Protein backbone atom coordinates (compact mmCIF):
# COMPACT_ATOMS: atom_id res chain seq x y z
CA MET A 1 0.06 -0.12 -0.19
CA LEU A 2 2.77 2.20 1.12
CA ASP A 3 4.45 1.79 -2.48
CA GLY A 4 1.26 2.47 -4.10
CA ILE A 5 0.83 5.80 -2.52
CA ASN A 6 4.59 6.67 -2.95
CA GLY A 7 3.80 5.90 -6.58
CA ALA A 8 0.50 7.98 -6.80
CA ALA A 9 2.55 10.93 -5.27
CA ASN A 10 5.42 10.66 -7.54
CA ARG A 11 2.85 10.84 -10.59
CA VAL A 12 1.09 13.95 -9.33
CA ASN A 13 4.45 15.54 -8.46
CA GLY A 14 5.84 14.38 -12.02
CA GLY A 15 2.60 16.22 -13.45
CA ASP A 16 1.16 13.13 -15.17
CA LEU A 17 -2.72 14.23 -14.31
CA LEU A 18 -1.96 17.75 -15.83
CA ASP A 19 -0.38 16.28 -19.00
CA GLU A 20 -2.79 13.81 -19.75
CA GLY A 21 -5.72 16.63 -18.95
CA VAL A 22 -4.15 19.11 -21.54
CA ASN A 23 -2.83 16.59 -24.27
CA VAL A 24 -4.49 17.30 -27.62
CA ASP A 25 -4.13 13.90 -28.36
CA ASP A 26 -6.18 12.50 -25.54
CA GLY A 27 -9.34 13.77 -26.83
CA VAL A 28 -10.28 15.51 -23.45
CA ASP A 29 -13.05 18.30 -23.30
CA LEU A 30 -12.91 21.89 -21.59
CA GLY A 31 -14.34 20.82 -18.37
CA THR A 32 -11.73 18.10 -17.97
CA ARG A 33 -8.92 20.46 -18.92
CA CYS A 34 -10.44 22.81 -16.31
CA CYS A 35 -10.17 20.14 -13.73
CA CYS A 36 -6.78 18.89 -14.39
CA GLU A 37 -5.60 22.86 -14.37
CA VAL A 38 -6.71 22.86 -10.82
CA THR A 39 -5.02 19.89 -10.12
CA GLY A 40 -2.12 21.31 -11.40
CA LEU A 41 -2.50 24.07 -8.93
CA TRP A 42 -3.00 21.72 -5.89
CA ARG A 43 0.12 19.40 -6.76
CA LEU A 44 2.34 21.95 -5.49
CA LEU A 45 1.10 22.33 -2.20
CA LEU A 46 0.04 18.32 -2.10
CA VAL A 47 2.83 16.42 -2.96
CA ASN A 48 5.12 16.60 0.00
CA GLU A 49 2.37 16.50 2.64
CA VAL A 50 0.43 13.37 0.74
CA ARG A 51 3.95 11.63 0.61
CA ASN A 52 4.72 12.41 4.45
CA SER A 53 1.34 11.90 5.31
CA ALA A 54 1.15 8.03 3.75
CA ILE A 55 4.81 7.54 5.06
CA ASN A 56 4.03 8.23 8.78
CA THR A 57 0.61 6.41 8.59
CA PHE A 58 2.15 3.21 7.27
CA THR A 59 5.39 3.35 9.50
CA GLY A 60 3.71 4.55 12.59
CA SER A 61 6.13 7.37 12.89
CA LYS A 62 4.69 10.89 14.25
CA TYR A 63 3.30 12.90 11.53
CA SER A 64 4.74 16.70 11.06
CA PRO A 65 2.99 19.07 8.88
CA SER A 66 4.68 21.68 6.89
CA PRO A 67 4.80 25.02 7.90
CA SER A 68 2.09 26.03 5.24
CA LEU A 69 -0.19 23.62 7.19
CA LYS A 70 0.90 24.32 10.71
CA HIS A 71 -2.35 26.23 11.73
CA HIS A 72 -4.38 22.94 11.21
CA SER A 73 -4.51 20.51 14.27
CA SER A 74 -2.30 17.44 14.09
CA MET A 75 -5.74 15.33 13.89
CA GLU A 76 -7.37 17.35 11.01
CA ALA A 77 -4.02 17.71 8.77
CA PRO A 78 -4.14 14.01 7.96
CA SER A 79 -8.09 13.72 7.70
CA TRP A 80 -7.73 16.64 5.17
CA LEU A 81 -4.86 15.01 3.11
CA LEU A 82 -6.34 11.58 2.99
CA LEU A 83 -9.33 13.31 1.38
CA SER A 84 -7.29 15.36 -0.98
CA VAL A 85 -5.67 12.21 -2.05
CA ALA A 86 -8.94 10.36 -2.61
CA TRP A 87 -10.28 13.37 -4.32
CA LEU A 88 -7.31 13.30 -6.68
CA ALA A 89 -7.75 9.36 -7.23
CA SER A 90 -11.12 9.64 -8.14
CA LEU A 91 -10.37 12.53 -10.64
CA THR A 92 -7.45 10.24 -12.10
CA ILE A 93 -9.87 7.03 -12.43
CA LEU A 94 -12.84 9.18 -13.90
CA SER A 95 -10.48 11.02 -16.51
CA THR A 96 -8.84 7.47 -17.60
CA ILE A 97 -12.32 6.02 -17.77
CA PHE A 98 -13.41 9.32 -20.24
CA ILE A 99 -9.85 9.26 -22.19
CA SER A 100 -9.82 5.43 -22.76
CA ARG A 101 -13.19 5.66 -24.20
CA ARG A 102 -12.25 8.75 -26.16
CA CYS A 103 -9.27 7.17 -27.62
CA LYS A 104 -11.02 3.72 -28.70
CA GLN A 105 -13.08 5.30 -31.22
CA LEU A 106 -9.68 6.84 -32.87
CA LYS A 107 -7.75 4.74 -34.79
CA PHE A 108 -3.88 6.01 -34.19
CA PRO A 109 -1.09 4.73 -36.68
CA PRO A 110 1.01 1.73 -35.34
CA GLY A 111 3.56 2.40 -33.10
CA PRO A 112 5.44 1.25 -29.97
CA LYS A 113 3.40 0.98 -26.56
CA PRO A 114 4.74 4.37 -24.66
CA TRP A 115 6.42 4.46 -21.07
CA PRO A 116 4.81 6.77 -18.32
CA ILE A 117 6.27 10.10 -18.32
CA ILE A 118 9.09 9.64 -20.74
CA GLY A 119 6.75 8.24 -23.63
CA ASN A 120 9.09 6.44 -26.30
CA LEU A 121 12.09 8.47 -25.91
CA ASN A 122 13.99 5.42 -24.47
CA LEU A 123 13.66 4.28 -28.10
CA ILE A 124 15.78 7.21 -29.41
CA GLY A 125 19.61 6.93 -29.69
CA SER A 126 21.95 9.95 -30.07
CA LEU A 127 20.97 9.75 -33.88
CA PRO A 128 17.42 10.15 -33.59
CA HIS A 129 16.80 9.85 -37.47
CA GLN A 130 18.62 6.35 -37.50
CA SER A 131 16.67 5.08 -34.60
CA LEU A 132 13.50 6.47 -36.47
CA HIS A 133 14.54 4.24 -39.21
CA LYS A 134 14.63 1.00 -37.53
CA LEU A 135 11.42 1.42 -35.79
CA SER A 136 9.92 2.22 -39.23
CA GLN A 137 10.83 -1.32 -40.56
CA ARG A 138 8.99 -2.53 -37.39
CA TYR A 139 5.96 -0.45 -37.35
CA GLY A 140 5.80 0.60 -40.99
CA PRO A 141 6.33 3.98 -42.81
CA LEU A 142 3.69 5.93 -41.02
CA MET A 143 4.10 5.46 -37.11
CA HIS A 144 2.56 7.24 -34.03
CA LEU A 145 4.93 7.69 -30.75
CA LYS A 146 4.97 9.98 -28.08
CA PHE A 147 8.09 12.12 -26.97
CA GLY A 148 7.18 12.67 -23.23
CA SER A 149 3.45 13.86 -23.36
CA TYR A 150 3.67 14.94 -26.97
CA PRO A 151 2.06 12.53 -29.55
CA LEU A 152 4.10 12.45 -33.04
CA VAL A 153 4.27 10.65 -36.19
CA VAL A 154 6.96 10.06 -38.24
CA ALA A 155 6.41 9.63 -42.03
CA SER A 156 9.47 7.60 -43.66
CA SER A 157 8.15 6.93 -47.51
CA VAL A 158 7.33 8.58 -50.29
CA GLU A 159 3.82 8.38 -50.09
CA MET A 160 3.26 9.21 -46.57
CA ALA A 161 5.93 12.12 -46.80
CA ALA A 162 3.48 13.45 -49.92
CA GLU A 163 0.39 13.23 -47.70
CA PHE A 164 1.93 15.73 -45.30
CA LEU A 165 3.54 17.87 -47.62
CA LYS A 166 1.30 17.62 -50.33
CA SER A 167 -2.05 16.42 -49.73
CA HIS A 168 -2.56 17.66 -46.47
CA ASP A 169 -0.02 20.85 -46.38
CA GLN A 170 -1.98 23.30 -45.37
CA ILE A 171 -3.43 21.47 -42.00
CA PHE A 172 0.42 20.60 -41.55
CA ALA A 173 1.87 24.09 -42.31
CA THR A 174 2.85 25.04 -38.85
CA ARG A 175 5.71 24.61 -36.45
CA PRO A 176 5.36 23.18 -32.69
CA PRO A 177 6.79 25.75 -30.34
CA HIS A 178 10.42 25.27 -29.64
CA ALA A 179 13.33 26.69 -27.30
CA ALA A 180 15.37 27.87 -30.50
CA GLY A 181 12.34 29.77 -32.14
CA LYS A 182 11.77 31.35 -28.72
CA TYR A 183 15.15 32.50 -27.72
CA THR A 184 17.52 32.77 -30.82
CA ALA A 185 14.60 33.59 -33.38
CA TYR A 186 13.63 36.81 -31.51
CA ASN A 187 10.12 34.71 -29.98
CA TYR A 188 9.11 32.99 -33.83
CA SER A 189 9.87 36.18 -35.54
CA ASP A 190 12.01 34.34 -38.03
CA ILE A 191 10.57 31.92 -40.95
CA LEU A 192 11.73 28.79 -39.89
CA TRP A 193 10.20 28.26 -36.34
CA ALA A 194 7.15 31.23 -37.03
CA PRO A 195 3.71 29.68 -36.62
CA TYR A 196 1.62 29.43 -40.00
CA GLY A 197 0.07 32.94 -39.90
CA PRO A 198 0.09 36.72 -41.62
CA HIS A 199 4.05 37.21 -40.16
CA TRP A 200 5.02 34.02 -41.69
CA ARG A 201 3.29 34.38 -45.00
CA GLN A 202 4.96 38.11 -45.28
CA GLY A 203 8.55 36.66 -44.41
CA ARG A 204 8.25 34.12 -47.04
CA LYS A 205 6.99 36.39 -49.61
CA ILE A 206 9.90 38.92 -48.82
CA TYR A 207 12.21 35.87 -49.05
CA GLN A 208 10.64 34.74 -52.29
CA ASN A 209 10.42 38.18 -54.04
CA GLU A 210 13.30 40.12 -52.48
CA LEU A 211 15.90 38.15 -51.16
CA PHE A 212 16.18 35.08 -53.24
CA SER A 213 14.78 36.37 -56.42
CA SER A 214 16.82 35.30 -59.72
CA LYS A 215 17.86 38.62 -60.09
CA ARG A 216 18.64 39.42 -56.53
CA LEU A 217 20.85 36.14 -56.78
CA GLU A 218 22.51 36.99 -60.11
CA SER A 219 23.60 40.55 -58.63
CA PHE A 220 25.34 38.39 -55.85
CA GLU A 221 27.34 36.05 -58.33
CA TYR A 222 30.49 38.22 -58.33
CA ILE A 223 30.50 37.70 -54.57
CA ARG A 224 30.55 34.01 -54.99
CA VAL A 225 33.16 33.93 -57.77
CA GLU A 226 35.75 36.12 -55.72
CA GLU A 227 35.16 34.09 -52.32
CA MET A 228 35.73 30.91 -54.55
CA ARG A 229 38.79 32.18 -56.02
CA ALA A 230 40.12 32.95 -52.34
CA PHE A 231 39.33 29.70 -51.24
CA VAL A 232 40.94 27.58 -54.08
CA SER A 233 43.72 29.80 -53.34
CA ARG A 234 44.04 29.21 -49.88
CA LEU A 235 44.05 25.61 -50.26
CA TYR A 236 46.57 25.70 -53.14
CA GLY A 237 48.81 27.23 -50.51
CA LEU A 238 48.50 24.33 -48.21
CA SER A 239 49.05 21.40 -51.22
CA GLY A 240 51.17 18.42 -50.00
CA LYS A 241 49.86 18.98 -46.58
CA PRO A 242 46.94 17.13 -44.64
CA VAL A 243 44.08 19.59 -44.50
CA VAL A 244 40.97 19.31 -42.50
CA LEU A 245 38.53 20.20 -45.26
CA ILE A 246 35.17 21.13 -43.06
CA GLY A 247 37.07 24.40 -41.77
CA HIS A 248 37.87 25.69 -45.17
CA LEU A 249 34.53 24.88 -46.32
CA THR A 250 32.82 26.81 -43.46
CA ARG A 251 34.78 29.77 -43.70
CA LEU A 252 33.89 29.95 -47.40
CA THR A 253 30.16 29.56 -46.92
CA LEU A 254 29.90 31.85 -44.18
CA SER A 255 31.89 34.49 -45.90
CA ASN A 256 29.61 34.11 -49.17
CA ILE A 257 26.64 34.52 -46.77
CA SER A 258 27.90 37.02 -44.73
CA ARG A 259 28.65 39.33 -47.76
CA MET A 260 25.46 38.74 -49.20
CA VAL A 261 23.54 39.16 -46.25
CA LEU A 262 25.32 41.52 -44.16
CA GLY A 263 27.48 43.57 -46.73
CA ASN A 264 30.93 42.49 -45.01
CA LYS A 265 32.76 39.96 -43.63
CA TYR A 266 32.62 39.88 -39.90
CA PHE A 267 35.62 37.16 -39.28
CA ASP A 268 39.40 36.73 -40.14
CA VAL A 269 41.15 33.66 -40.89
CA SER A 270 41.39 32.18 -37.40
CA GLY A 271 37.43 32.97 -36.89
CA ASP A 272 38.08 36.00 -34.39
CA ASP A 273 36.44 39.15 -35.03
CA ARG A 274 37.71 41.74 -37.13
CA ASN A 275 37.36 45.35 -36.52
CA VAL A 276 34.75 45.10 -34.28
CA SER A 277 34.40 45.11 -30.44
CA LYS A 278 34.45 41.45 -28.71
CA SER A 279 31.05 41.73 -27.75
CA ILE A 280 30.15 40.36 -31.38
CA VAL A 281 29.32 36.86 -31.53
CA SER A 282 32.11 34.82 -32.91
CA LEU A 283 32.75 32.32 -35.77
CA GLN A 284 33.06 29.38 -33.53
CA GLU A 285 29.50 30.51 -31.89
CA LEU A 286 27.91 31.03 -35.34
CA GLN A 287 28.84 27.42 -36.31
CA SER A 288 27.53 25.97 -33.22
CA PHE A 289 24.13 27.66 -33.75
CA LYS A 290 22.31 24.45 -34.74
CA ARG A 291 23.76 22.30 -31.87
CA LEU A 292 22.00 24.23 -29.04
CA SER A 293 18.85 22.94 -29.37
CA GLY A 294 17.61 21.97 -25.60
CA TYR A 295 20.31 24.14 -23.92
CA VAL A 296 17.90 27.03 -22.98
CA LYS A 297 20.65 28.76 -20.87
CA ARG A 298 23.31 29.02 -23.66
CA MET A 299 20.39 30.05 -26.14
CA LYS A 300 19.87 32.99 -23.93
CA THR A 301 23.36 33.92 -23.50
CA LEU A 302 23.77 33.54 -27.51
CA LYS A 303 20.89 35.53 -27.99
CA LYS A 304 22.51 38.37 -25.99
CA LYS A 305 25.44 38.14 -28.25
CA LEU A 306 23.21 38.25 -31.48
CA ASP A 307 21.55 41.31 -29.92
CA ARG A 308 24.98 43.20 -30.01
CA PHE A 309 25.68 41.61 -33.45
CA HIS A 310 22.40 42.68 -34.71
CA ASP A 311 22.95 46.31 -33.51
CA HIS A 312 26.34 46.85 -34.69
CA VAL A 313 25.63 45.43 -38.07
CA PHE A 314 22.24 47.21 -38.29
CA ASP A 315 24.02 50.78 -36.86
CA GLU A 316 26.69 50.35 -39.65
CA HIS A 317 23.83 50.18 -42.17
CA LYS A 318 21.79 52.90 -41.14
CA ARG A 319 25.07 55.27 -40.98
CA LYS A 320 25.85 54.32 -44.78
CA LYS A 321 22.73 55.13 -45.76
CA GLU A 322 22.38 58.28 -44.06
CA GLU A 323 25.91 59.65 -45.55
CA LEU A 324 24.54 58.91 -48.94
CA GLY A 325 21.30 60.05 -48.59
CA LYS A 326 19.08 60.27 -52.03
CA ASP A 327 21.88 58.48 -53.56
CA PHE A 328 21.68 55.73 -51.54
CA VAL A 329 21.03 51.99 -53.05
CA ALA A 330 20.42 48.80 -51.19
CA GLN A 331 23.63 46.49 -51.69
CA ASP A 332 22.69 43.66 -49.26
CA MET A 333 20.06 41.80 -47.77
CA VAL A 334 20.23 43.51 -44.37
CA ASP A 335 19.74 46.86 -46.66
CA LEU A 336 16.65 45.34 -48.09
CA LEU A 337 15.11 44.31 -44.71
CA LEU A 338 15.56 47.69 -43.07
CA GLN A 339 13.98 49.18 -45.78
CA LEU A 340 11.07 47.08 -45.69
CA ALA A 341 10.84 48.04 -41.58
CA ASP A 342 10.26 51.42 -42.53
CA ASP A 343 7.98 50.61 -45.25
CA PRO A 344 4.28 51.57 -43.62
CA ASP A 345 2.22 49.89 -46.58
CA LEU A 346 3.39 46.25 -45.46
CA ASP A 347 0.54 44.13 -44.82
CA VAL A 348 2.36 43.16 -41.26
CA LYS A 349 4.41 45.64 -39.74
CA LEU A 350 8.07 44.41 -40.03
CA THR A 351 9.71 44.73 -36.67
CA TYR A 352 13.42 45.09 -35.78
CA ASP A 353 13.05 41.84 -33.98
CA ALA A 354 11.61 40.22 -37.40
CA VAL A 355 14.44 41.87 -39.13
CA ARG A 356 16.79 40.05 -36.48
CA GLY A 357 14.89 36.78 -36.58
CA LEU A 358 15.17 36.67 -40.54
CA THR A 359 18.72 37.33 -40.28
CA VAL A 360 19.77 34.60 -38.03
CA ASP A 361 17.90 32.23 -40.56
CA LEU A 362 19.95 33.66 -43.46
CA VAL A 363 23.26 33.68 -41.84
CA THR A 364 22.90 30.12 -40.16
CA GLY A 365 20.71 28.51 -42.53
CA GLY A 366 23.20 28.04 -45.46
CA THR A 367 26.45 27.67 -43.44
CA ASP A 368 26.24 23.92 -41.74
CA THR A 369 24.22 22.71 -44.44
CA THR A 370 26.34 23.40 -47.40
CA ALA A 371 29.55 23.06 -45.76
CA VAL A 372 28.53 19.56 -44.34
CA THR A 373 27.09 18.27 -47.66
CA VAL A 374 30.10 19.22 -49.84
CA GLU A 375 32.32 17.37 -47.10
CA TRP A 376 30.32 14.40 -47.61
CA VAL A 377 30.64 14.51 -50.81
CA ILE A 378 34.49 14.39 -51.20
CA SER A 379 34.34 11.45 -48.58
CA GLU A 380 32.46 9.54 -50.89
CA LEU A 381 34.26 10.23 -53.92
CA MET A 382 37.53 9.36 -51.77
CA LYS A 383 35.78 5.90 -50.97
CA GLN A 384 35.85 5.34 -54.78
CA PRO A 385 38.53 7.22 -56.85
CA GLN A 386 37.43 6.15 -60.06
CA LEU A 387 34.29 8.64 -59.39
CA ILE A 388 36.54 11.09 -59.46
CA THR A 389 37.96 10.22 -62.67
CA LYS A 390 34.88 10.15 -63.98
CA ALA A 391 33.79 13.58 -62.81
CA THR A 392 37.17 15.37 -63.96
CA GLN A 393 36.76 13.86 -67.42
CA GLU A 394 33.37 15.38 -67.94
CA LEU A 395 35.16 18.45 -66.58
CA ASP A 396 38.04 18.63 -68.42
CA ARG A 397 35.63 17.82 -71.77
CA VAL A 398 33.24 20.91 -71.09
CA ILE A 399 35.42 23.63 -69.33
CA GLY A 400 39.07 22.52 -70.27
CA ARG A 401 41.98 23.44 -67.98
CA GLU A 402 42.58 26.72 -69.04
CA ARG A 403 39.85 28.43 -67.04
CA TRP A 404 37.57 27.78 -64.04
CA VAL A 405 34.44 26.40 -63.98
CA GLU A 406 31.27 29.04 -63.75
CA GLU A 407 27.94 29.09 -62.62
CA ARG A 408 26.57 28.80 -66.07
CA ASP A 409 28.66 25.98 -66.87
CA ILE A 410 26.80 23.67 -64.26
CA PRO A 411 23.73 22.65 -66.45
CA GLN A 412 26.19 21.00 -68.91
CA LEU A 413 27.72 18.88 -66.22
CA PRO A 414 25.24 16.11 -65.60
CA TYR A 415 27.73 13.74 -63.91
CA LEU A 416 28.38 16.42 -61.47
CA ASP A 417 24.58 17.05 -60.59
CA ALA A 418 24.51 12.91 -60.26
CA ILE A 419 27.10 13.33 -57.42
CA MET A 420 25.31 16.15 -55.62
CA LYS A 421 22.04 14.27 -55.93
CA GLU A 422 23.51 10.97 -54.84
CA THR A 423 25.06 12.59 -51.66
CA MET A 424 21.85 14.13 -50.85
CA ARG A 425 19.99 10.79 -50.98
CA LYS A 426 22.43 8.98 -48.77
CA HIS A 427 23.42 12.24 -46.68
CA SER A 428 20.59 14.09 -46.76
CA VAL A 429 20.93 17.92 -45.72
CA ALA A 430 18.21 17.51 -43.18
CA PRO A 431 17.69 13.64 -42.04
CA LEU A 432 14.73 14.66 -40.34
CA LEU A 433 12.83 18.00 -41.54
CA ALA A 434 12.08 20.72 -39.30
CA PRO A 435 9.06 19.32 -37.39
CA HIS A 436 5.45 20.16 -38.50
CA MET A 437 2.22 20.26 -36.43
CA ALA A 438 -1.32 19.73 -37.17
CA MET A 439 -3.65 22.58 -36.78
CA GLU A 440 -6.58 20.49 -36.73
CA ASP A 441 -7.93 17.00 -36.33
CA CYS A 442 -7.60 14.95 -39.51
CA LYS A 443 -7.15 11.59 -41.29
CA VAL A 444 -4.11 10.59 -43.00
CA ALA A 445 -3.96 7.20 -45.03
CA GLY A 446 -6.60 6.04 -42.93
CA TYR A 447 -5.53 6.86 -39.39
CA ASP A 448 -6.61 9.59 -37.25
CA ILE A 449 -4.10 12.51 -36.27
CA ARG A 450 -5.17 14.51 -33.71
CA LYS A 451 -4.39 18.78 -33.55
CA GLY A 452 -1.35 19.60 -31.98
CA THR A 453 0.54 16.32 -33.18
CA ARG A 454 4.11 16.79 -34.29
CA VAL A 455 5.01 15.50 -37.70
CA PHE A 456 8.55 14.38 -38.68
CA ILE A 457 9.64 13.48 -42.33
CA ASN A 458 12.55 11.01 -42.27
CA THR A 459 14.41 11.87 -45.52
CA TRP A 460 17.36 9.84 -44.30
CA SER A 461 14.98 6.65 -44.20
CA ILE A 462 13.18 7.58 -47.45
CA GLY A 463 16.95 7.68 -49.29
CA ARG A 464 17.51 4.01 -47.88
CA ASP A 465 14.11 2.52 -49.10
CA PRO A 466 15.05 -0.58 -51.44
CA SER A 467 11.83 0.12 -53.20
CA LEU A 468 13.19 2.92 -54.37
CA TRP A 469 16.80 2.57 -54.44
CA GLU A 470 18.63 -0.60 -55.81
CA GLN A 471 21.48 -1.44 -53.21
CA PRO A 472 20.96 1.76 -51.39
CA GLU A 473 24.01 1.50 -48.96
CA GLU A 474 26.03 1.84 -52.07
CA PHE A 475 27.13 5.48 -53.03
CA ARG A 476 26.30 5.20 -57.04
CA PRO A 477 25.77 8.57 -58.92
CA GLU A 478 25.24 6.55 -62.09
CA ARG A 479 21.40 5.91 -60.63
CA PHE A 480 20.44 9.68 -60.97
CA LEU A 481 21.72 9.88 -64.77
CA GLY A 482 18.79 9.70 -67.54
CA ARG A 483 16.07 10.04 -64.25
CA ASN A 484 13.82 13.12 -64.05
CA ILE A 485 14.39 13.43 -60.17
CA ASP A 486 14.91 17.04 -58.72
CA VAL A 487 15.57 18.47 -55.67
CA LYS A 488 13.28 21.31 -55.61
CA GLY A 489 10.19 19.67 -53.73
CA ARG A 490 8.63 18.19 -56.80
CA SER A 491 9.91 14.46 -56.49
CA PHE A 492 9.46 13.09 -53.15
CA GLU A 493 11.80 10.69 -53.52
CA LEU A 494 14.76 13.17 -52.87
CA LEU A 495 13.70 16.25 -50.27
CA PRO A 496 17.10 17.83 -49.21
CA PHE A 497 15.24 21.20 -48.77
CA GLY A 498 11.64 19.81 -47.98
CA ALA A 499 8.41 20.57 -49.94
CA GLY A 500 5.26 22.34 -49.78
CA ARG A 501 4.48 25.56 -47.77
CA ARG A 502 7.44 25.33 -45.54
CA MET A 503 10.07 24.40 -47.98
CA CYS A 504 13.31 26.12 -47.32
CA PRO A 505 13.20 29.10 -49.31
CA GLY A 506 16.75 29.68 -50.14
CA TYR A 507 17.42 26.42 -51.84
CA ASN A 508 18.60 27.95 -55.13
CA LEU A 509 21.42 29.70 -53.37
CA GLY A 510 22.14 26.81 -51.77
CA LEU A 511 22.04 25.07 -54.71
CA LYS A 512 24.59 27.37 -56.38
CA MET A 513 26.86 27.14 -53.60
CA ILE A 514 26.78 23.56 -53.42
CA GLN A 515 27.44 22.53 -57.02
CA LEU A 516 30.09 25.34 -57.68
CA SER A 517 32.10 24.38 -54.58
CA ILE A 518 31.90 20.51 -55.70
CA ALA A 519 33.04 21.43 -59.30
CA ASN A 520 35.97 23.84 -58.36
CA LEU A 521 37.25 21.52 -55.52
CA LEU A 522 37.34 18.51 -58.44
CA GLN A 523 38.59 20.78 -61.41
CA ALA A 524 41.15 22.26 -59.00
CA PHE A 525 42.78 19.32 -57.19
CA ASN A 526 44.00 15.70 -57.08
CA TRP A 527 43.01 14.06 -53.77
CA LYS A 528 44.35 11.42 -51.66
CA LEU A 529 44.34 10.21 -48.13
CA PRO A 530 46.98 11.23 -45.50
CA GLY A 531 49.82 8.94 -44.98
CA ASN A 532 49.41 4.82 -45.04
CA MET A 533 45.80 5.54 -44.60
CA LYS A 534 43.61 3.38 -46.95
CA VAL A 535 40.11 3.90 -48.32
CA GLU A 536 38.68 1.13 -46.11
CA ASP A 537 40.12 2.85 -43.18
CA LEU A 538 37.90 6.41 -44.14
CA SER A 539 35.26 6.13 -41.52
CA MET A 540 31.62 7.06 -42.69
CA GLU A 541 30.01 7.43 -39.42
CA GLU A 542 27.76 10.40 -38.82
CA ALA A 543 27.75 12.43 -35.48
CA PRO A 544 24.45 13.80 -33.84
CA GLY A 545 23.41 16.98 -35.39
CA ILE A 546 20.77 18.91 -37.35
CA THR A 547 22.55 18.19 -40.75
CA ALA A 548 24.09 14.78 -39.07
CA PRO A 549 27.90 15.80 -40.03
CA ARG A 550 30.82 13.40 -40.51
CA LYS A 551 31.75 11.97 -36.61
CA PHE A 552 35.46 12.45 -37.74
CA PRO A 553 36.27 15.28 -39.90
CA LEU A 554 37.86 14.41 -43.44
CA VAL A 555 41.44 14.99 -43.72
CA ALA A 556 43.00 15.22 -47.27
CA ILE A 557 46.18 15.93 -49.25
CA LEU A 558 45.40 18.10 -52.43
CA GLU A 559 47.66 18.54 -55.49
CA PRO A 560 47.04 21.19 -58.03
CA ARG A 561 45.85 19.61 -61.54
CA LEU A 562 45.49 22.79 -63.37
CA PRO A 563 48.24 25.37 -65.15
CA LEU A 564 49.52 27.14 -61.62
CA HIS A 565 48.88 30.64 -62.55
CA LEU A 566 45.05 29.85 -62.28
CA TYR A 567 45.69 29.86 -58.63
CA GLU A 568 47.06 32.94 -58.22
CA LEU A 569 44.74 36.08 -56.83
């Protein structure tokens, strides 16, 4: 009996009653929710008294009330507590019966039985996309799980992905609340974590029509060319030496994005701040931005630095605009956003927090994804050197060896395109797309999905579906030759940037940077592993992270393969 009461007390203290009452998955009506909210208020006062009273009753020890109850007599307190326990127990039984009856009328997707409090979190390892892939092999391409008290479904096939991102796209167009959206995206003022609504629609429109329009991206091409030439020249200076590639790739992508978005590069070779105060966010902190999920204290600290960073950047832009007066013309994306913030005709006022949130998305959105994808490309090619030979033969045939490959050449390089797509299949830009959330009850593939349910699309699992890909664990770019599979959200076999309303709005820029990086690295250098390392020794393990980077950074030795004068700046 004592164990039973201790267990009940623990359940009250852990919040089971309150969680069950407000969980949208349980179909509880307003009256039950109100009762459970009252229960939540009561539990803070009762839990310690419940535990102490029960222990004293069954052990014979003297009961000692808490200071908050000292005005009760020693006879009244245990009676009052026992009545309270009885009331809570009755409420629990009645709620459970009511919930069970409602849930029996619903048909949820198959999935593992959840544990109390933790749900199915015990089944998720350090690489969630791989854990969910293994579960999908047992429970099917549409699974129902619980993470804590939150219900979620996971789509692991082309058909199920299309259900959420195409057939029912509008119902699942919002995002669940997330600490990253609250603290580092200025209370959901960005695009990634913003809930579906007027602010998100306007931000999406700004991205599509202003920041990532074809004309705007063409105007920034000179930046991408300059940064690529500087990148290749730096690597040339390290010829014959072991090079940790990811650091150079991150610097390349961040320099590109920083100039296009902010109008300047704020980081030097070592990653330290350049010509700005020490309060400005560092390169390392920007690189670690996407690995902060769940660490609220670190998010709050980073937000303070981001505030100072934005203030510094915005002040520079405003000062430049004031100096030029009527001759001012927007040169970068922050210029455009600040202009829009002063526009009284916008449907939704663009606040400075919104400008900050959109800027965070712009700077962080393409840095990790581009660098990690290119590192995986080179890693896979070094495992199979004959693929590098095929790619360089195509480059020599189409471009030659007397000039550098350019963005306009990419459409004439189908094997290069196949290499990129095969990498995105096997090492998806985002193994789990950013979560969606149901805005209303609906049915998907004959199953009930309740309002508030989180939805994950496992693109890593889709990329390993043997019904889609022959020998999916092998890296074979040839599988994409002659096949009309794109990466822009129309082919659900390959969704590196997502699809539907919440598809990544900057995918065109991302593609340009990835394709140009791959082409220049293969055109510029011969590649080999350091020392006596063999290709079978090259690990292809993944590390935890939104982009699933390599567990062990790629180290390679580069040698120039073009006339040396081309490497000079």
